[in-house]
Amino acid sequence: MHTGNQGEMPLLFNYCKSCKPLPGSPEELEVFKNIQQGFANQFELFFPDNLAPKTIVVVPSLSLDQEVLAKVEGAMYYEERLLCLLLLLRMPRTNIIYISSTAIDPIIIDYYLHLLPGITGYHARERLTLISCYDTTAIPLTEKILQRPRLIERIKKAIPSGSVAHMACFNTTGLERTLAVHLGIPVYGCDPSLIYLGTKSGSRRVFLQAGVPIPAGAENLTGSSDIIHALAALKDMHPHIKKAVIKLNDGFSGEGNAIIKYPENLRGKALHKWLTDNLLTEMKPVAKDMNAEIFLKKFELMEGIVEAFVEGDVKTSPSVQCRINPLGEVDVISTHDQVLAGAEGQIFIGAHFPADADYRLQIAEMSRAVSKVLKKEGVLGRFSIDFISVKENDCWKHYAIEINLRKGGTTHPFLMLQYLTDGSCNETTGIFETAGGRQLYYYASDNVQSDQYKGLSPHDLIDIAMFHGLHFDGATYRGVMFHMIGALSQYGKMGMVCIGGSPAEAYELYTKTIQVLDAETAG
C-alpha cells in the first residue's frame, strides 16, 4: 500500500528509482505482484470511507493495437471518457491526478467540476492535478509517460503525503504494469499476465468453463490457412448458416471483425477450394480503410477466431458490466442493450440502460457464472461481457461472444449516472435507483458525429446546451452529459449520456439534442 511520496515503502521506491527492472522481466513481475498484494488492505480500509485521504492516478490510455485503433476517428480523445472520474472529487479528501496526451481545455474541466454536489469548484480544483505529455503521436498514452522520466517524477510528487494511491486505467497491459512499478502504486485492473482471458479466443474458453452458450466456431486460429479450415468445417457441421464472422483476438469496438458470406450449394472439398481461392475478395473487414490483405496480416500477428454469424428476425446485443474487487467479491453492476451499426451490425455506437426487462436478469446470472470463473483465474477490476440474444417462439436465447477485461463503451455512462446521483442498481429488478428511490434510465453514445459539427468548440457546445435546457439538472435528475468534447471541433464527433425517468424520456432527450445541434449548425 502506497501512502505518498515518502510513505511506508522506501525500499520499493528506491528499487524502482535506481534499478528500474526491465519491462516484463522476472524482477518487474515480482515487484508488481508485491504492490498488488497490498491493494486488498487499501481497498478494505480506505475505499468505504469518503473522508479518507485517497489519490487516484488516472491513466486513460487506450493501450490497444494502434493500427486497428487508427481506424477510429478521434481515437486520442477517447482519453477524455474517464473524465467522469473527476466526479470522485465530491469526496472532500480525495485527490485526482489526470494524465493525458494533450492538454484538456479548461472549460471541459469546469464543465465536470460544476456538477459536483456539495463541493465548490475551487475546493475540487485544489485537489486536481492535470498533467499533459504534449504529444499527439499515435502511440499509447502510457508509452508516452514511460518515455518521460521527469513526468513520472512529477506524478509521484503530486501524490500528497499520507494519501493512499492507486492507478485507474482504461485497460491494463505490460505498459501499465511497468508504470505501476515505476510509481510504486497498485492498479485497479486485471494483471496483464491474464490478458488472454479477455481475447476473443480466451473468452470462448471461459464461457465453456462457465457453461454459458456460445456461437458455433473455433478459436486460437493463427492465419489464413486456419481461417479457411475453420470456415469450411463450420459450414459442414452447420449447413444452415449463411455467414461467418472472423475476429481479431484484440479488436476494439467491432473494428477488428470481418464478415464472409458462404456460397450456396458448396460443401466439403469444393467449399474449401472456393475459400482458398476467394478469401481475400469475399472477406469484408468492418473497419473503414482496412482491406482484407491488411486484416489478414493483423490476424497473423494477433490471432483470432471464426464464429457463425447469429441470425434472427428479433435480435439484440446486450452487455453486462461486472467487477471483481480486491477482496475477491463479485458484483454484477449493470446491463445494457448495445446499439450496433455498419452493414452487418458489428460497430458499437451506443447503448440503452438497462437492458430489456425480458432478459436482463437472465444475462446478469449468466455473467455472474462467467465472473466466478474469472475470479478463480485471479481477475481484478471492471470488465464487461457481450451477448447476442435472439427471440424464438417468444423465448430468448443468449450467446456469449466476448469478455472485455477493461473499461469500455458502457463503463463511463454508468459511472456518470452513479456519481451524479449517488445511486445504484437494484439487484432484484436491474433498474437504477437513487438514494430516494427514484428510478433512472439513460441512452448513451460515443459516436455522435456529423460534418456539420466540425468547428464547434467546447465553449460553443456548452453554450448551446445551456440555451436549450439540455444540461443535466441535479435537482430533477434529468438532462444530458457530454463527453469526448475535445474531438468535436476537428472530427465533428463527441459522446453523450441522456438521463431520464423512463427509457422513452432518455431516448427523447437524445433525439432532441441531435435536432438542436443540427439546427444550430445548419448552413
Protein backbone atom coordinates (compact mmCIF):
# COMPACT_ATOMS: atom_id res chain seq x y z
CA MET A 1 0.00 0.00 0.00
CA HIS A 2 1.39 3.36 -1.05
CA THR A 3 0.96 6.37 1.23
CA GLY A 4 2.50 9.27 -0.61
CA ASN A 5 5.98 10.02 -1.89
CA GLN A 6 7.75 9.49 1.38
CA GLY A 7 5.39 6.83 2.63
CA GLU A 8 5.82 3.41 4.01
CA MET A 9 7.62 1.63 1.16
CA PRO A 10 11.05 3.26 0.87
CA LEU A 11 12.66 0.04 -0.33
CA LEU A 12 10.22 -0.22 -3.21
CA PHE A 13 10.72 3.39 -4.21
CA ASN A 14 14.50 3.10 -4.07
CA TYR A 15 14.37 -0.08 -6.06
CA CYS A 16 12.09 1.38 -8.72
CA LYS A 17 14.04 4.61 -8.99
CA SER A 18 17.55 3.27 -9.08
CA CYS A 19 17.16 -0.20 -10.63
CA LYS A 20 14.16 0.15 -12.94
CA PRO A 21 13.71 -3.54 -13.73
CA LEU A 22 13.35 -4.31 -17.40
CA PRO A 23 9.74 -4.37 -18.68
CA GLY A 24 8.37 -7.90 -18.45
CA SER A 25 11.40 -9.20 -16.55
CA PRO A 26 11.01 -11.57 -13.59
CA GLU A 27 12.16 -8.71 -11.34
CA GLU A 28 9.40 -6.42 -12.59
CA LEU A 29 6.77 -9.14 -12.26
CA GLU A 30 7.82 -9.77 -8.67
CA VAL A 31 7.71 -6.08 -7.73
CA PHE A 32 4.30 -5.69 -9.40
CA LYS A 33 2.97 -8.73 -7.54
CA ASN A 34 4.11 -7.28 -4.21
CA ILE A 35 2.49 -3.92 -4.98
CA GLN A 36 -0.82 -5.54 -5.93
CA GLN A 37 -0.89 -7.70 -2.81
CA GLY A 38 -1.20 -4.60 -0.64
CA PHE A 39 -4.20 -3.34 -2.59
CA ALA A 40 -6.74 -5.51 -0.75
CA ASN A 41 -5.79 -3.84 2.54
CA GLN A 42 -6.07 -0.39 0.96
CA PHE A 43 -9.46 -1.27 -0.51
CA GLU A 44 -10.86 -2.64 2.74
CA LEU A 45 -9.63 0.18 4.98
CA PHE A 46 -9.89 3.30 2.84
CA PHE A 47 -12.37 2.83 -0.03
CA PRO A 48 -15.52 2.71 2.13
CA ASP A 49 -14.54 5.93 3.95
CA ASN A 50 -15.47 9.01 1.93
CA LEU A 51 -13.32 11.15 4.24
CA ALA A 52 -10.17 9.06 3.95
CA PRO A 53 -7.24 10.72 2.13
CA LYS A 54 -7.03 8.96 -1.25
CA THR A 55 -5.34 9.67 -4.57
CA ILE A 56 -6.41 8.22 -7.91
CA VAL A 57 -3.87 8.45 -10.72
CA VAL A 58 -5.99 8.27 -13.87
CA VAL A 59 -4.16 6.95 -16.94
CA PRO A 60 -6.85 6.76 -19.68
CA SER A 61 -4.51 5.17 -22.21
CA LEU A 62 -6.02 3.04 -24.96
CA SER A 63 -3.17 0.55 -24.91
CA LEU A 64 -4.53 -1.40 -27.85
CA ASP A 65 -3.29 -2.26 -31.32
CA GLN A 66 -2.58 1.18 -32.78
CA GLU A 67 -3.16 0.18 -36.41
CA VAL A 68 -6.67 -1.03 -35.62
CA LEU A 69 -7.25 1.95 -33.31
CA ALA A 70 -6.18 4.34 -36.10
CA LYS A 71 -9.38 3.40 -37.94
CA VAL A 72 -11.39 5.00 -35.11
CA GLU A 73 -11.74 8.72 -35.81
CA GLY A 74 -10.56 10.95 -32.98
CA ALA A 75 -9.20 7.96 -31.05
CA MET A 76 -6.90 10.13 -28.93
CA TYR A 77 -9.90 11.97 -27.50
CA TYR A 78 -11.25 8.71 -26.10
CA GLU A 79 -8.86 9.57 -23.26
CA GLU A 80 -11.49 12.11 -22.16
CA ARG A 81 -14.04 9.37 -21.42
CA LEU A 82 -12.53 8.80 -17.96
CA LEU A 83 -13.03 12.45 -17.03
CA CYS A 84 -16.15 11.08 -15.34
CA LEU A 85 -13.75 10.05 -12.55
CA LEU A 86 -13.35 13.75 -11.73
CA LEU A 87 -16.72 13.41 -10.05
CA LEU A 88 -14.93 11.43 -7.32
CA LEU A 89 -13.71 14.81 -6.11
CA ARG A 90 -17.07 15.05 -4.34
CA MET A 91 -15.22 13.18 -1.57
CA PRO A 92 -13.53 16.13 0.19
CA ARG A 93 -10.15 14.46 0.88
CA THR A 94 -9.77 12.67 -2.44
CA ASN A 95 -7.12 13.84 -4.92
CA ILE A 96 -7.05 13.05 -8.62
CA ILE A 97 -4.05 13.17 -10.93
CA TYR A 98 -5.30 13.02 -14.52
CA ILE A 99 -2.76 12.44 -17.29
CA SER A 100 -3.49 12.98 -20.99
CA SER A 101 -1.64 13.08 -24.29
CA THR A 102 -2.51 16.74 -24.84
CA ALA A 103 -3.80 19.48 -22.57
CA ILE A 104 -7.54 19.38 -21.88
CA ASP A 105 -9.44 22.63 -22.43
CA PRO A 106 -10.14 24.30 -19.02
CA ILE A 107 -13.80 24.77 -19.97
CA ILE A 108 -14.16 20.98 -20.20
CA ILE A 109 -12.70 20.58 -16.71
CA ASP A 110 -15.01 23.29 -15.39
CA TYR A 111 -17.95 21.52 -17.04
CA TYR A 112 -17.33 18.41 -14.92
CA LEU A 113 -16.46 20.19 -11.68
CA HIS A 114 -19.64 22.27 -11.88
CA LEU A 115 -21.66 19.09 -11.33
CA LEU A 116 -20.07 18.16 -8.00
CA PRO A 117 -22.71 18.07 -5.25
CA GLY A 118 -21.79 19.86 -2.03
CA ILE A 119 -18.28 20.83 -3.21
CA THR A 120 -17.19 24.18 -4.60
CA GLY A 121 -15.25 24.30 -7.84
CA TYR A 122 -12.32 25.93 -6.05
CA HIS A 123 -12.12 23.17 -3.42
CA ALA A 124 -12.19 20.49 -6.12
CA ARG A 125 -9.57 22.22 -8.28
CA GLU A 126 -7.18 22.35 -5.33
CA ARG A 127 -7.26 18.55 -5.28
CA LEU A 128 -6.98 18.04 -9.05
CA THR A 129 -3.66 17.79 -10.88
CA LEU A 130 -3.72 17.79 -14.68
CA ILE A 131 -0.59 16.56 -16.43
CA SER A 132 -0.12 16.53 -20.20
CA CYS A 133 2.51 14.81 -22.33
CA TYR A 134 2.00 17.41 -25.09
CA ASP A 135 2.34 14.54 -27.54
CA THR A 136 -0.11 13.73 -30.35
CA THR A 137 1.83 10.80 -31.81
CA ALA A 138 -0.06 7.57 -32.47
CA ILE A 139 1.32 5.55 -29.56
CA PRO A 140 -0.48 4.67 -26.31
CA LEU A 141 -0.53 7.37 -23.63
CA THR A 142 1.17 5.06 -21.12
CA GLU A 143 4.09 4.60 -23.51
CA LYS A 144 4.38 8.39 -23.79
CA ILE A 145 4.53 8.65 -20.00
CA LEU A 146 7.23 5.98 -19.76
CA GLN A 147 9.32 7.91 -22.27
CA ARG A 148 9.35 10.88 -19.87
CA PRO A 149 11.14 10.11 -16.56
CA ARG A 150 10.70 13.69 -15.35
CA LEU A 151 6.95 13.44 -15.90
CA ILE A 152 6.88 10.25 -13.83
CA GLU A 153 8.65 12.12 -11.03
CA ARG A 154 6.02 14.89 -11.29
CA ILE A 155 3.27 12.31 -10.83
CA LYS A 156 4.97 10.85 -7.76
CA LYS A 157 5.48 14.30 -6.22
CA ALA A 158 1.80 15.17 -6.85
CA ILE A 159 0.64 12.34 -4.56
CA PRO A 160 0.14 14.02 -1.15
CA SER A 161 1.97 12.60 1.82
CA GLY A 162 -0.28 10.33 3.86
CA SER A 163 -2.63 9.62 0.96
CA VAL A 164 -3.18 6.05 -0.25
CA ALA A 165 -2.95 5.86 -4.03
CA HIS A 166 -3.80 3.60 -6.93
CA MET A 167 -3.96 3.80 -10.73
CA ALA A 168 -7.20 3.73 -12.72
CA CYS A 169 -6.72 2.77 -16.37
CA PHE A 170 -8.82 2.04 -19.44
CA ASN A 171 -7.05 -1.29 -19.83
CA THR A 172 -4.02 -2.90 -18.20
CA THR A 173 -1.16 -4.15 -20.35
CA GLY A 174 2.55 -4.59 -19.80
CA LEU A 175 2.90 -0.82 -20.25
CA GLU A 176 0.60 -0.10 -17.30
CA ARG A 177 2.39 -2.72 -15.21
CA THR A 178 5.73 -1.03 -15.86
CA LEU A 179 4.27 2.37 -14.97
CA ALA A 180 2.79 0.99 -11.74
CA VAL A 181 6.23 -0.36 -10.79
CA HIS A 182 7.87 2.99 -11.54
CA LEU A 183 5.25 4.82 -9.47
CA GLY A 184 5.12 2.19 -6.73
CA ILE A 185 1.31 2.11 -6.63
CA PRO A 186 -1.21 -0.66 -7.43
CA VAL A 187 -3.54 -0.77 -10.43
CA TYR A 188 -7.27 -1.35 -10.01
CA GLY A 189 -7.31 -3.61 -13.05
CA CYS A 190 -6.50 -7.05 -14.35
CA ASP A 191 -2.96 -8.39 -14.18
CA PRO A 192 -1.55 -8.23 -17.75
CA SER A 193 -0.47 -11.86 -17.43
CA LEU A 194 -4.18 -12.75 -17.60
CA ILE A 195 -4.84 -10.76 -20.75
CA TYR A 196 -5.55 -13.90 -22.79
CA LEU A 197 -8.81 -14.37 -20.87
CA GLY A 198 -10.11 -11.16 -22.46
CA THR A 199 -9.22 -12.06 -26.03
CA LYS A 200 -11.82 -13.49 -28.39
CA SER A 201 -10.18 -16.92 -28.09
CA GLY A 202 -9.81 -16.73 -24.31
CA SER A 203 -13.42 -15.56 -23.93
CA ARG A 204 -14.72 -18.67 -25.67
CA ARG A 205 -12.68 -20.88 -23.34
CA VAL A 206 -14.04 -19.08 -20.25
CA PHE A 207 -17.64 -19.28 -21.50
CA LEU A 208 -17.30 -23.03 -22.00
CA GLN A 209 -15.96 -23.42 -18.44
CA ALA A 210 -18.88 -21.36 -17.11
CA GLY A 211 -21.41 -23.45 -19.03
CA VAL A 212 -22.66 -20.43 -20.99
CA PRO A 213 -23.78 -20.96 -24.64
CA ILE A 214 -21.58 -19.55 -27.42
CA PRO A 215 -21.95 -19.41 -31.22
CA ALA A 216 -20.51 -22.35 -33.13
CA GLY A 217 -16.94 -21.65 -34.14
CA ALA A 218 -13.25 -22.17 -33.49
CA GLU A 219 -10.60 -20.26 -31.52
CA ASN A 220 -6.83 -19.89 -31.36
CA LEU A 221 -6.52 -19.57 -35.13
CA THR A 222 -3.17 -18.26 -36.38
CA GLY A 223 -3.56 -17.34 -40.05
CA SER A 224 -5.40 -17.68 -43.35
CA SER A 225 -4.96 -21.47 -43.51
CA ASP A 226 -6.59 -21.89 -40.09
CA ILE A 227 -9.38 -19.47 -41.08
CA ILE A 228 -10.15 -21.45 -44.25
CA HIS A 229 -10.23 -24.79 -42.41
CA ALA A 230 -12.42 -23.33 -39.65
CA LEU A 231 -14.85 -21.72 -42.11
CA ALA A 232 -15.18 -24.94 -44.12
CA ALA A 233 -15.66 -27.10 -41.02
CA LEU A 234 -18.22 -24.66 -39.59
CA LYS A 235 -20.36 -24.83 -42.74
CA ASP A 236 -20.09 -28.62 -42.96
CA MET A 237 -21.20 -29.01 -39.35
CA HIS A 238 -23.94 -26.36 -39.60
CA PRO A 239 -25.23 -26.33 -43.20
CA HIS A 240 -27.94 -23.75 -42.43
CA ILE A 241 -25.55 -20.86 -41.64
CA LYS A 242 -25.19 -18.20 -44.32
CA LYS A 243 -22.38 -16.03 -42.93
CA ALA A 244 -19.48 -16.19 -40.52
CA VAL A 245 -17.54 -13.59 -38.55
CA ILE A 246 -13.74 -13.58 -38.45
CA LYS A 247 -12.45 -11.71 -35.40
CA LEU A 248 -9.05 -10.48 -34.33
CA ASN A 249 -8.28 -11.54 -30.77
CA ASP A 250 -7.85 -7.92 -29.66
CA GLY A 251 -10.30 -5.98 -31.82
CA PHE A 252 -11.86 -2.76 -30.49
CA SER A 253 -15.50 -1.63 -30.79
CA GLY A 254 -16.16 -4.12 -33.61
CA GLU A 255 -13.39 -2.65 -35.75
CA GLY A 256 -11.41 -5.92 -35.59
CA ASN A 257 -14.10 -8.01 -37.28
CA ALA A 258 -14.64 -9.17 -40.85
CA ILE A 259 -17.69 -10.83 -42.45
CA ILE A 260 -17.77 -13.54 -45.10
CA LYS A 261 -20.85 -14.91 -46.89
CA TYR A 262 -20.92 -18.56 -47.84
CA PRO A 263 -21.67 -19.51 -51.44
CA GLU A 264 -24.78 -21.62 -51.96
CA ASN A 265 -24.58 -25.36 -52.53
CA LEU A 266 -20.87 -25.80 -51.78
CA ARG A 267 -19.64 -28.25 -49.17
CA GLY A 268 -16.54 -30.21 -48.27
CA LYS A 269 -13.59 -30.01 -50.66
CA ALA A 270 -15.43 -27.73 -53.09
CA LEU A 271 -16.11 -25.20 -50.34
CA HIS A 272 -12.53 -25.47 -49.07
CA LYS A 273 -11.21 -24.72 -52.58
CA TRP A 274 -13.62 -21.81 -53.01
CA LEU A 275 -12.47 -20.32 -49.71
CA THR A 276 -8.82 -20.78 -50.66
CA ASP A 277 -9.37 -19.02 -53.99
CA ASN A 278 -11.69 -16.26 -52.77
CA LEU A 279 -10.93 -15.46 -49.14
CA LEU A 280 -9.21 -12.16 -49.96
CA THR A 281 -12.02 -10.95 -52.23
CA GLU A 282 -15.01 -12.23 -50.25
CA MET A 283 -13.91 -11.32 -46.70
CA LYS A 284 -15.19 -7.84 -45.80
CA PRO A 285 -13.44 -6.09 -42.87
CA VAL A 286 -15.73 -3.87 -40.82
CA ALA A 287 -13.18 -1.11 -40.18
CA LYS A 288 -13.03 1.74 -42.66
CA ASP A 289 -10.00 1.80 -44.94
CA MET A 290 -8.90 -1.70 -43.91
CA ASN A 291 -8.76 -4.17 -46.78
CA ALA A 292 -8.69 -7.94 -46.48
CA GLU A 293 -4.94 -8.16 -47.04
CA ILE A 294 -4.19 -5.82 -44.13
CA PHE A 295 -6.75 -7.64 -41.99
CA LEU A 296 -5.06 -10.99 -42.61
CA LYS A 297 -1.67 -9.54 -41.72
CA LYS A 298 -3.14 -8.28 -38.44
CA PHE A 299 -4.70 -11.70 -37.89
CA GLU A 300 -1.31 -13.39 -38.23
CA LEU A 301 0.08 -11.05 -35.57
CA MET A 302 -2.86 -11.10 -33.15
CA GLU A 303 -4.51 -14.45 -33.97
CA GLY A 304 -8.26 -14.83 -33.57
CA ILE A 305 -11.45 -16.81 -34.05
CA VAL A 306 -14.14 -17.76 -36.53
CA GLU A 307 -17.77 -17.80 -35.40
CA ALA A 308 -21.11 -18.41 -37.03
CA PHE A 309 -22.98 -15.18 -37.72
CA VAL A 310 -26.02 -15.43 -35.43
CA GLU A 311 -29.19 -14.81 -37.44
CA GLY A 312 -32.61 -13.84 -36.13
CA ASP A 313 -35.64 -11.75 -37.01
CA VAL A 314 -35.62 -10.32 -33.49
CA LYS A 315 -32.03 -9.94 -32.35
CA THR A 316 -30.34 -7.73 -29.75
CA SER A 317 -26.80 -7.22 -28.44
CA PRO A 318 -26.89 -6.86 -24.66
CA SER A 319 -23.86 -6.32 -22.46
CA VAL A 320 -23.28 -6.82 -18.74
CA GLN A 321 -20.82 -4.86 -16.61
CA CYS A 322 -19.18 -6.74 -13.76
CA ARG A 323 -16.50 -6.10 -11.18
CA ILE A 324 -14.24 -8.22 -9.01
CA ASN A 325 -12.86 -6.13 -6.17
CA PRO A 326 -9.52 -6.66 -4.38
CA LEU A 327 -11.31 -8.69 -1.70
CA GLY A 328 -12.49 -11.17 -4.35
CA GLU A 329 -16.13 -10.08 -4.20
CA VAL A 330 -18.10 -10.33 -7.46
CA ASP A 331 -20.59 -7.59 -8.40
CA VAL A 332 -22.90 -7.52 -11.41
CA ILE A 333 -23.08 -3.76 -11.86
CA SER A 334 -25.38 -3.11 -14.81
CA THR A 335 -26.93 -4.38 -18.03
CA HIS A 336 -27.18 -2.58 -21.36
CA ASP A 337 -28.68 -3.13 -24.78
CA GLN A 338 -25.98 -2.09 -27.23
CA VAL A 339 -26.80 -0.23 -30.44
CA LEU A 340 -24.70 -1.54 -33.30
CA ALA A 341 -24.21 -0.04 -36.75
CA GLY A 342 -22.48 -0.92 -40.00
CA ALA A 343 -23.63 -3.16 -42.83
CA GLU A 344 -23.59 -6.25 -40.61
CA GLY A 345 -24.24 -4.62 -37.23
CA GLN A 346 -20.71 -5.03 -35.89
CA ILE A 347 -19.75 -1.48 -34.78
CA PHE A 348 -20.71 -0.24 -31.30
CA ILE A 349 -22.29 3.22 -31.40
CA GLY A 350 -24.40 3.43 -28.26
CA ALA A 351 -26.36 1.70 -25.50
CA HIS A 352 -29.68 1.77 -23.67
CA PHE A 353 -29.59 1.27 -19.91
CA PRO A 354 -30.83 -1.02 -18.53
CA ALA A 355 -31.21 -3.95 -20.92
CA ASP A 356 -34.66 -5.24 -21.87
CA ALA A 357 -36.77 -6.37 -18.92
CA ASP A 358 -37.46 -9.69 -20.68
CA TYR A 359 -33.91 -10.89 -20.21
CA ARG A 360 -31.72 -8.53 -18.18
CA LEU A 361 -31.85 -10.76 -15.10
CA GLN A 362 -31.04 -13.84 -17.22
CA ILE A 363 -27.89 -12.34 -18.72
CA ALA A 364 -26.92 -10.97 -15.30
CA GLU A 365 -26.96 -14.50 -13.86
CA MET A 366 -25.02 -15.88 -16.81
CA SER A 367 -22.46 -13.12 -16.31
CA ARG A 368 -22.17 -13.96 -12.64
CA ALA A 369 -21.25 -17.53 -13.62
CA VAL A 370 -18.60 -16.19 -16.00
CA SER A 371 -17.30 -13.83 -13.30
CA LYS A 372 -16.81 -16.73 -10.90
CA VAL A 373 -14.56 -18.44 -13.44
CA LEU A 374 -12.60 -15.22 -13.92
CA LYS A 375 -12.30 -14.81 -10.15
CA LYS A 376 -10.66 -18.24 -9.88
CA GLU A 377 -8.17 -17.13 -12.53
CA GLY A 378 -7.26 -14.04 -10.46
CA VAL A 379 -9.02 -11.33 -12.47
CA LEU A 380 -9.40 -7.92 -10.76
CA GLY A 381 -11.38 -4.81 -11.66
CA ARG A 382 -14.15 -3.90 -14.08
CA PHE A 383 -14.97 -5.85 -17.20
CA SER A 384 -17.93 -6.42 -19.49
CA ILE A 385 -19.47 -9.47 -21.13
CA ASP A 386 -21.18 -9.11 -24.51
CA PHE A 387 -24.01 -11.30 -25.78
CA ILE A 388 -26.11 -11.81 -28.88
CA SER A 389 -29.72 -12.56 -27.99
CA VAL A 390 -32.31 -13.98 -30.39
CA LYS A 391 -36.04 -14.28 -29.78
CA GLU A 392 -37.53 -17.56 -30.95
CA ASN A 393 -41.14 -18.61 -30.19
CA ASP A 394 -41.45 -15.92 -27.52
CA CYS A 395 -38.32 -17.14 -25.75
CA TRP A 396 -34.89 -15.51 -25.73
CA LYS A 397 -31.74 -17.48 -26.46
CA HIS A 398 -28.45 -15.88 -25.42
CA TYR A 399 -24.99 -16.46 -26.86
CA ALA A 400 -21.95 -15.06 -25.05
CA ILE A 401 -19.47 -13.65 -27.57
CA GLU A 402 -16.82 -11.58 -25.79
CA ILE A 403 -15.23 -10.60 -22.49
CA ASN A 404 -13.66 -7.14 -22.33
CA LEU A 405 -11.17 -7.14 -19.43
CA ARG A 406 -11.14 -3.35 -19.40
CA LYS A 407 -13.38 -0.36 -19.19
CA GLY A 408 -15.49 0.06 -22.29
CA GLY A 409 -18.25 1.99 -24.00
CA THR A 410 -20.76 1.26 -21.24
CA THR A 411 -18.42 2.00 -18.30
CA HIS A 412 -18.25 5.78 -18.24
CA PRO A 413 -22.00 6.40 -18.83
CA PHE A 414 -22.88 4.26 -15.81
CA LEU A 415 -20.16 5.90 -13.71
CA MET A 416 -21.55 9.32 -14.64
CA LEU A 417 -25.04 8.29 -13.56
CA GLN A 418 -23.74 6.74 -10.33
CA TYR A 419 -21.55 9.68 -9.33
CA LEU A 420 -24.13 12.32 -10.28
CA THR A 421 -26.94 10.72 -8.27
CA ASP A 422 -25.22 8.56 -5.63
CA GLY A 423 -27.49 5.67 -6.59
CA SER A 424 -27.04 2.05 -7.64
CA CYS A 425 -28.71 -0.82 -9.49
CA ASN A 426 -31.39 -2.78 -7.70
CA GLU A 427 -30.30 -6.42 -7.98
CA THR A 428 -33.88 -7.66 -7.96
CA THR A 429 -35.08 -5.51 -10.87
CA GLY A 430 -31.84 -4.48 -12.61
CA ILE A 431 -33.09 -0.87 -12.57
CA PHE A 432 -31.02 2.06 -11.27
CA GLU A 433 -32.41 3.78 -8.18
CA THR A 434 -31.30 6.96 -6.42
CA ALA A 435 -30.95 7.11 -2.65
CA GLY A 436 -34.52 8.47 -2.61
CA GLY A 437 -35.83 5.55 -4.65
CA ARG A 438 -36.26 7.33 -7.99
CA GLN A 439 -35.73 5.07 -11.00
CA LEU A 440 -33.46 6.39 -13.74
CA TYR A 441 -32.59 5.31 -17.28
CA TYR A 442 -30.25 6.55 -19.97
CA TYR A 443 -29.26 6.36 -23.60
CA ALA A 444 -25.53 6.83 -24.24
CA SER A 445 -23.35 7.09 -27.32
CA ASP A 446 -19.66 7.66 -28.09
CA ASN A 447 -20.39 8.21 -31.75
CA VAL A 448 -22.44 11.36 -32.12
CA GLN A 449 -20.84 12.60 -35.32
CA SER A 450 -21.62 14.92 -38.21
CA ASP A 451 -19.54 17.02 -40.57
CA GLN A 452 -21.83 19.91 -39.61
CA TYR A 453 -20.48 19.80 -36.06
CA LYS A 454 -16.89 20.38 -37.14
CA GLY A 455 -15.63 23.72 -35.90
CA LEU A 456 -17.77 23.71 -32.75
CA SER A 457 -15.58 24.44 -29.74
CA PRO A 458 -16.26 23.08 -26.24
CA HIS A 459 -17.45 26.59 -25.34
CA ASP A 460 -19.93 26.54 -28.24
CA LEU A 461 -21.34 23.16 -27.26
CA ILE A 462 -21.85 24.09 -23.62
CA ASP A 463 -23.44 27.39 -24.64
CA ILE A 464 -25.88 25.55 -26.94
CA ALA A 465 -26.73 23.02 -24.22
CA MET A 466 -27.42 25.73 -21.64
CA PHE A 467 -29.53 27.84 -24.01
CA HIS A 468 -31.76 24.91 -24.96
CA GLY A 469 -32.09 23.47 -21.45
CA LEU A 470 -30.27 20.24 -22.26
CA HIS A 471 -27.70 20.32 -19.44
CA PHE A 472 -28.09 17.71 -16.68
CA ASP A 473 -30.03 19.08 -13.70
CA GLY A 474 -29.14 17.56 -10.34
CA ALA A 475 -32.49 18.63 -8.90
CA THR A 476 -34.66 16.85 -11.47
CA TYR A 477 -32.17 14.05 -12.34
CA ARG A 478 -32.80 14.79 -16.00
CA GLY A 479 -30.62 16.05 -18.82
CA VAL A 480 -27.58 15.42 -20.99
CA MET A 481 -23.94 14.94 -20.06
CA PHE A 482 -21.41 15.36 -22.88
CA HIS A 483 -18.01 13.70 -23.12
CA MET A 484 -15.15 13.45 -25.63
CA ILE A 485 -15.88 17.13 -26.23
CA GLY A 486 -12.30 17.76 -27.34
CA ALA A 487 -12.91 15.77 -30.55
CA LEU A 488 -15.79 17.96 -31.66
CA SER A 489 -14.04 20.79 -33.47
CA GLN A 490 -11.70 18.63 -35.59
CA TYR A 491 -13.78 15.50 -36.11
CA GLY A 492 -17.36 16.68 -35.56
CA LYS A 493 -17.57 13.85 -33.01
CA MET A 494 -18.39 13.52 -29.31
CA GLY A 495 -20.29 11.37 -26.84
CA MET A 496 -23.28 11.97 -24.62
CA VAL A 497 -25.29 10.37 -21.84
CA CYS A 498 -29.00 11.26 -21.84
CA ILE A 499 -30.63 10.60 -18.46
CA GLY A 500 -34.38 10.43 -17.87
CA GLY A 501 -37.12 8.91 -15.74
CA SER A 502 -38.00 6.33 -18.39
CA PRO A 503 -36.31 4.71 -21.42
CA ALA A 504 -38.55 6.78 -23.69
CA GLU A 505 -37.63 10.04 -21.98
CA ALA A 506 -33.92 9.25 -22.13
CA TYR A 507 -34.03 8.49 -25.86
CA GLU A 508 -36.25 11.53 -26.48
CA LEU A 509 -33.52 13.67 -24.90
CA TYR A 510 -31.02 12.12 -27.32
CA THR A 511 -33.12 12.83 -30.40
CA LYS A 512 -33.89 16.35 -29.17
CA THR A 513 -30.17 17.04 -28.65
CA ILE A 514 -29.38 15.86 -32.18
CA GLN A 515 -32.16 18.07 -33.57
CA VAL A 516 -30.83 21.06 -31.64
CA LEU A 517 -27.24 20.50 -32.80
CA ASP A 518 -28.34 20.01 -36.41
CA ALA A 519 -30.40 23.20 -36.30
CA GLU A 520 -27.62 25.21 -34.63
CA THR A 521 -25.05 24.10 -37.22
CA ALA A 522 -27.27 24.13 -40.34
CA GLY A 523 -25.69 26.07 -43.18
